[in-house]
């Protein structure tokens, strides 16, 4: 991740708006699965508990990455959120069909995947630049 981000900081750490938003949205998945208040039946059962575990992992990676100023952990967090939201969308599609919650989950999956690709390609571009110098 580069320093060309917005100048927002908390405790001297750069705020990355997408990572913050997806971590909070994914935390809602953890909460809804934990309290059995998720949309549909499947997210309240075993599939939901597997998704909830991965969601908790992704939130932990994003927040640990932010706290430790670790771009690598942040990238892993974005990667895992891609899978979490794709899984939420798939489970909802199987459970309740094409509903707004399912479509929103797929939107988060696409956005997380795109954010991960941008961050990964940025690292690759920096490597290529440093090797050519």
C-alpha atoms as a PDB file:
ATOM      1  CA  UNK A   1       0.000   0.000   0.000  1.00  0.00           C
ATOM      2  CA  UNK A   2       1.331   3.390  -0.898  1.00  0.00           C
ATOM      3  CA  UNK A   3       1.328   6.683   0.937  1.00  0.00           C
ATOM      4  CA  UNK A   4      -0.970   8.175  -1.713  1.00  0.00           C
ATOM      5  CA  UNK A   5      -3.959   7.595   0.551  1.00  0.00           C
ATOM      6  CA  UNK A   6      -6.207  10.163   2.159  1.00  0.00           C
ATOM      7  CA  UNK A   7      -4.492  12.131   4.918  1.00  0.00           C
ATOM      8  CA  UNK A   8      -6.817  10.790   7.639  1.00  0.00           C
ATOM      9  CA  UNK A   9      -4.991   9.398  10.643  1.00  0.00           C
ATOM     10  CA  UNK A  10      -5.852   7.951  14.031  1.00  0.00           C
ATOM     11  CA  UNK A  11      -3.038   7.312  16.500  1.00  0.00           C
ATOM     12  CA  UNK A  12      -0.603   8.182  13.715  1.00  0.00           C
ATOM     13  CA  UNK A  13      -1.941   5.417  11.484  1.00  0.00           C
ATOM     14  CA  UNK A  14      -3.357   6.029   8.022  1.00  0.00           C
ATOM     15  CA  UNK A  15      -7.082   5.360   7.722  1.00  0.00           C
ATOM     16  CA  UNK A  16      -7.939   3.360   4.644  1.00  0.00           C
ATOM     17  CA  UNK A  17     -11.650   4.027   4.095  1.00  0.00           C
ATOM     18  CA  UNK A  18     -12.461   0.830   2.205  1.00  0.00           C
ATOM     19  CA  UNK A  19     -10.637  -1.417   4.672  1.00  0.00           C
ATOM     20  CA  UNK A  20     -12.429   0.316   7.546  1.00  0.00           C
ATOM     21  CA  UNK A  21     -15.838  -0.003   5.881  1.00  0.00           C
ATOM     22  CA  UNK A  22     -15.437  -3.653   4.926  1.00  0.00           C
ATOM     23  CA  UNK A  23     -14.079  -4.545   8.364  1.00  0.00           C
ATOM     24  CA  UNK A  24     -17.134  -2.978  10.015  1.00  0.00           C
ATOM     25  CA  UNK A  25     -19.537  -4.651   7.562  1.00  0.00           C
ATOM     26  CA  UNK A  26     -17.790  -7.981   8.111  1.00  0.00           C
ATOM     27  CA  UNK A  27     -18.006  -7.447  11.865  1.00  0.00           C
ATOM     28  CA  UNK A  28     -21.787  -7.260  11.375  1.00  0.00           C
ATOM     29  CA  UNK A  29     -21.600 -10.729   9.794  1.00  0.00           C
ATOM     30  CA  UNK A  30     -19.707 -12.001  12.849  1.00  0.00           C
ATOM     31  CA  UNK A  31     -22.289 -10.446  15.171  1.00  0.00           C
ATOM     32  CA  UNK A  32     -25.322 -11.711  13.227  1.00  0.00           C
ATOM     33  CA  UNK A  33     -23.966 -15.261  12.991  1.00  0.00           C
ATOM     34  CA  UNK A  34     -22.960 -15.275  16.659  1.00  0.00           C
ATOM     35  CA  UNK A  35     -26.385 -14.050  17.817  1.00  0.00           C
ATOM     36  CA  UNK A  36     -28.325 -16.234  15.345  1.00  0.00           C
ATOM     37  CA  UNK A  37     -29.905 -13.125  13.842  1.00  0.00           C
ATOM     38  CA  UNK A  38     -28.571 -13.532  10.295  1.00  0.00           C
ATOM     39  CA  UNK A  39     -30.789 -13.402   7.227  1.00  0.00           C
ATOM     40  CA  UNK A  40     -32.198 -16.812   6.298  1.00  0.00           C
ATOM     41  CA  UNK A  41     -31.807 -20.160   8.000  1.00  0.00           C
ATOM     42  CA  UNK A  42     -28.434 -21.387   6.730  1.00  0.00           C
ATOM     43  CA  UNK A  43     -26.386 -18.521   8.163  1.00  0.00           C
ATOM     44  CA  UNK A  44     -27.790 -19.386  11.587  1.00  0.00           C
ATOM     45  CA  UNK A  45     -26.522 -22.982  11.255  1.00  0.00           C
ATOM     46  CA  UNK A  46     -23.227 -24.711  10.524  1.00  0.00           C
ATOM     47  CA  UNK A  47     -22.553 -22.871   7.231  1.00  0.00           C
ATOM     48  CA  UNK A  48     -23.020 -19.590   9.068  1.00  0.00           C
ATOM     49  CA  UNK A  49     -20.611 -20.591  11.803  1.00  0.00           C
ATOM     50  CA  UNK A  50     -17.937 -21.412   9.202  1.00  0.00           C
ATOM     51  CA  UNK A  51     -18.546 -18.075   7.472  1.00  0.00           C
ATOM     52  CA  UNK A  52     -18.528 -16.321  10.855  1.00  0.00           C
ATOM     53  CA  UNK A  53     -15.176 -17.842  11.760  1.00  0.00           C
ATOM     54  CA  UNK A  54     -13.639 -16.685   8.477  1.00  0.00           C
ATOM     55  CA  UNK A  55     -15.265 -13.280   8.958  1.00  0.00           C
ATOM     56  CA  UNK A  56     -13.727 -12.944  12.421  1.00  0.00           C
ATOM     57  CA  UNK A  57     -10.336 -13.904  10.966  1.00  0.00           C
ATOM     58  CA  UNK A  58     -10.615 -11.282   8.234  1.00  0.00           C
ATOM     59  CA  UNK A  59     -11.576  -8.542  10.699  1.00  0.00           C
ATOM     60  CA  UNK A  60      -8.662  -9.560  12.928  1.00  0.00           C
ATOM     61  CA  UNK A  61      -6.256  -9.424   9.967  1.00  0.00           C
ATOM     62  CA  UNK A  62      -7.474  -5.996   8.869  1.00  0.00           C
ATOM     63  CA  UNK A  63      -7.338  -4.482  12.344  1.00  0.00           C
ATOM     64  CA  UNK A  64      -4.019  -6.131  13.230  1.00  0.00           C
ATOM     65  CA  UNK A  65      -2.612  -4.936   9.923  1.00  0.00           C
ATOM     66  CA  UNK A  66      -3.776  -1.403  10.629  1.00  0.00           C
ATOM     67  CA  UNK A  67      -2.430  -1.426  14.181  1.00  0.00           C
ATOM     68  CA  UNK A  68       0.918  -2.966  13.198  1.00  0.00           C
ATOM     69  CA  UNK A  69       1.138  -0.845  10.034  1.00  0.00           C
ATOM     70  CA  UNK A  70       1.494  -4.088   8.084  1.00  0.00           C
ATOM     71  CA  UNK A  71       0.470  -3.853   4.448  1.00  0.00           C
ATOM     72  CA  UNK A  72       0.855  -7.605   4.149  1.00  0.00           C
ATOM     73  CA  UNK A  73      -1.717  -8.308   6.894  1.00  0.00           C
ATOM     74  CA  UNK A  74      -4.046  -5.723   5.365  1.00  0.00           C
ATOM     75  CA  UNK A  75      -3.791  -7.432   1.969  1.00  0.00           C
ATOM     76  CA  UNK A  76      -4.535 -10.821   3.561  1.00  0.00           C
ATOM     77  CA  UNK A  77      -7.521  -9.274   5.340  1.00  0.00           C
ATOM     78  CA  UNK A  78      -8.877  -7.959   2.037  1.00  0.00           C
ATOM     79  CA  UNK A  79      -8.303 -11.346   0.418  1.00  0.00           C
ATOM     80  CA  UNK A  80     -10.200 -13.183   3.161  1.00  0.00           C
ATOM     81  CA  UNK A  81     -13.083 -10.672   3.101  1.00  0.00           C
ATOM     82  CA  UNK A  82     -13.466 -11.451  -0.596  1.00  0.00           C
ATOM     83  CA  UNK A  83     -14.099 -15.096   0.285  1.00  0.00           C
ATOM     84  CA  UNK A  84     -16.307 -14.244   3.260  1.00  0.00           C
ATOM     85  CA  UNK A  85     -18.632 -12.034   1.245  1.00  0.00           C
ATOM     86  CA  UNK A  86     -18.700 -14.489  -1.669  1.00  0.00           C
ATOM     87  CA  UNK A  87     -19.644 -17.219   0.809  1.00  0.00           C
ATOM     88  CA  UNK A  88     -22.344 -15.040   2.380  1.00  0.00           C
ATOM     89  CA  UNK A  89     -23.755 -14.316  -1.078  1.00  0.00           C
ATOM     90  CA  UNK A  90     -23.682 -17.991  -2.047  1.00  0.00           C
ATOM     91  CA  UNK A  91     -25.293 -19.168   1.192  1.00  0.00           C
ATOM     92  CA  UNK A  92     -27.999 -16.531   0.873  1.00  0.00           C
ATOM     93  CA  UNK A  93     -28.618 -17.469  -2.777  1.00  0.00           C
ATOM     94  CA  UNK A  94     -29.087 -21.107  -1.757  1.00  0.00           C
ATOM     95  CA  UNK A  95     -31.228 -20.209   1.238  1.00  0.00           C
ATOM     96  CA  UNK A  96     -33.472 -17.308   0.235  1.00  0.00           C
ATOM     97  CA  UNK A  97     -32.767 -16.739  -3.442  1.00  0.00           C
ATOM     98  CA  UNK A  98     -32.099 -13.433  -5.153  1.00  0.00           C
ATOM     99  CA  UNK A  99     -32.788 -10.896  -2.429  1.00  0.00           C
ATOM    100  CA  UNK A 100     -31.127  -7.524  -1.753  1.00  0.00           C
ATOM    101  CA  UNK A 101     -28.968  -9.046   1.018  1.00  0.00           C
ATOM    102  CA  UNK A 102     -27.542 -11.575  -1.435  1.00  0.00           C
ATOM    103  CA  UNK A 103     -26.787  -8.904  -4.038  1.00  0.00           C
ATOM    104  CA  UNK A 104     -25.166  -6.648  -1.436  1.00  0.00           C
ATOM    105  CA  UNK A 105     -22.959  -9.522  -0.296  1.00  0.00           C
ATOM    106  CA  UNK A 106     -21.785 -10.069  -3.866  1.00  0.00           C
ATOM    107  CA  UNK A 107     -21.084  -6.321  -4.199  1.00  0.00           C
ATOM    108  CA  UNK A 108     -18.848  -6.487  -1.101  1.00  0.00           C
ATOM    109  CA  UNK A 109     -17.094  -9.551  -2.580  1.00  0.00           C
ATOM    110  CA  UNK A 110     -16.378  -7.736  -5.856  1.00  0.00           C
ATOM    111  CA  UNK A 111     -15.202  -4.605  -4.032  1.00  0.00           C
ATOM    112  CA  UNK A 112     -12.932  -6.591  -1.693  1.00  0.00           C
ATOM    113  CA  UNK A 113     -11.498  -8.569  -4.569  1.00  0.00           C
ATOM    114  CA  UNK A 114     -10.861  -5.363  -6.486  1.00  0.00           C
ATOM    115  CA  UNK A 115      -9.220  -3.721  -3.472  1.00  0.00           C
ATOM    116  CA  UNK A 116      -7.017  -6.776  -2.978  1.00  0.00           C
ATOM    117  CA  UNK A 117      -6.029  -6.751  -6.666  1.00  0.00           C
ATOM    118  CA  UNK A 118      -5.159  -3.051  -6.514  1.00  0.00           C
ATOM    119  CA  UNK A 119      -3.037  -3.509  -3.395  1.00  0.00           C
ATOM    120  CA  UNK A 120      -1.302  -6.579  -4.817  1.00  0.00           C
ATOM    121  CA  UNK A 121      -0.608  -4.973  -8.195  1.00  0.00           C
ATOM    122  CA  UNK A 122       0.781  -1.912  -6.387  1.00  0.00           C
ATOM    123  CA  UNK A 123       3.291  -4.136  -4.551  1.00  0.00           C
ATOM    124  CA  UNK A 124       4.213  -5.876  -7.813  1.00  0.00           C
ATOM    125  CA  UNK A 125       4.696  -2.523  -9.565  1.00  0.00           C
ATOM    126  CA  UNK A 126       6.985  -1.291  -6.766  1.00  0.00           C
ATOM    127  CA  UNK A 127       9.026  -4.502  -7.023  1.00  0.00           C
ATOM    128  CA  UNK A 128       9.421  -4.138 -10.789  1.00  0.00           C
ATOM    129  CA  UNK A 129      10.442  -0.486 -10.380  1.00  0.00           C
ATOM    130  CA  UNK A 130      13.053  -1.280  -7.731  1.00  0.00           C
ATOM    131  CA  UNK A 131      14.459  -4.156  -9.820  1.00  0.00           C
ATOM    132  CA  UNK A 132      14.839  -1.982 -12.919  1.00  0.00           C
ATOM    133  CA  UNK A 133      16.740   0.758 -11.084  1.00  0.00           C
END
